[in-house]
Amino acid sequence: MAEDLDQTIRENAQGPKRAQGDSGSVEQHPLTEQIEAVRHLASKEAAKQKLGVRMTKVVPPGAV
């Protein structure tokens, strides 16, 4: 999914911001908003994986 978004952003960055023709006009979201969307989705995906910091206490054998 992230690779698809990365590819879409690359294509959008290479193309025009606005296109106009006989059938109407089209304008893309600004590149900064597209990048923020990718960051947001990546953050949501990372949160699903639950790879947070885990704290444990190590007690050596024989210690009470």
Protein backbone atom coordinates (compact mmCIF):
# COMPACT_ATOMS: atom_id res chain seq x y z
CA MET A 1 0.00 0.00 0.00
CA ALA A 2 2.76 2.46 0.90
CA GLU A 3 4.61 1.67 -2.31
CA ASP A 4 1.47 2.45 -4.31
CA LEU A 5 1.15 5.81 -2.56
CA ASP A 6 4.84 6.55 -3.05
CA GLN A 7 4.50 5.80 -6.77
CA THR A 8 1.39 8.00 -7.00
CA ILE A 9 3.19 10.89 -5.32
CA ARG A 10 6.15 10.51 -7.70
CA GLU A 11 3.81 10.60 -10.69
CA ASN A 12 1.89 13.59 -9.32
CA ALA A 13 5.12 15.49 -8.68
CA GLN A 14 6.20 14.99 -12.28
CA GLY A 15 2.86 16.05 -13.72
CA PRO A 16 1.17 19.45 -13.77
CA LYS A 17 -0.62 20.80 -10.71
CA ARG A 18 -3.63 21.81 -12.81
CA ALA A 19 -4.89 20.58 -16.16
CA GLN A 20 -7.65 22.12 -18.22
CA GLY A 21 -9.34 20.85 -21.34
CA ASP A 22 -12.62 20.97 -23.25
CA SER A 23 -14.32 18.66 -20.75
CA GLY A 24 -13.27 20.68 -17.68
CA SER A 25 -10.32 21.14 -15.37
CA VAL A 26 -8.57 19.01 -12.78
CA GLU A 27 -6.39 20.13 -9.89
CA GLN A 28 -4.33 17.85 -7.65
CA HIS A 29 -3.88 18.16 -3.91
CA PRO A 30 -0.67 20.01 -3.03
CA LEU A 31 2.40 17.80 -2.75
CA THR A 32 2.78 18.66 0.95
CA GLU A 33 -0.73 17.32 1.65
CA GLN A 34 0.05 14.12 -0.26
CA ILE A 35 3.22 13.59 1.77
CA GLU A 36 1.33 14.19 5.02
CA ALA A 37 -1.27 11.63 3.95
CA VAL A 38 1.45 9.03 3.38
CA ARG A 39 2.98 9.79 6.79
CA HIS A 40 -0.41 9.50 8.47
CA LEU A 41 -1.17 6.16 6.84
CA ALA A 42 2.31 4.84 7.68
CA SER A 43 1.79 5.90 11.29
CA LYS A 44 -1.54 4.07 11.44
CA GLU A 45 0.06 0.95 9.96
CA ALA A 46 2.90 1.05 12.49
CA ALA A 47 0.42 1.41 15.35
CA LYS A 48 -1.37 -1.75 14.17
CA GLN A 49 1.84 -3.76 14.46
CA LYS A 50 2.22 -2.89 18.16
CA LEU A 51 5.99 -2.69 18.06
CA GLY A 52 6.22 -0.40 21.05
CA VAL A 53 8.88 -0.42 23.74
CA ARG A 54 8.54 -3.26 26.22
CA MET A 55 9.99 -2.80 29.69
CA THR A 56 11.08 -5.88 31.64
CA LYS A 57 12.96 -6.37 34.85
CA VAL A 58 15.80 -8.88 34.80
CA VAL A 59 16.39 -10.68 38.09
CA PRO A 60 19.56 -12.76 38.26
CA PRO A 61 19.27 -16.27 39.74
CA GLY A 62 19.84 -16.42 43.50
CA ALA A 63 18.75 -12.81 44.08
CA VAL A 64 15.77 -12.26 46.32
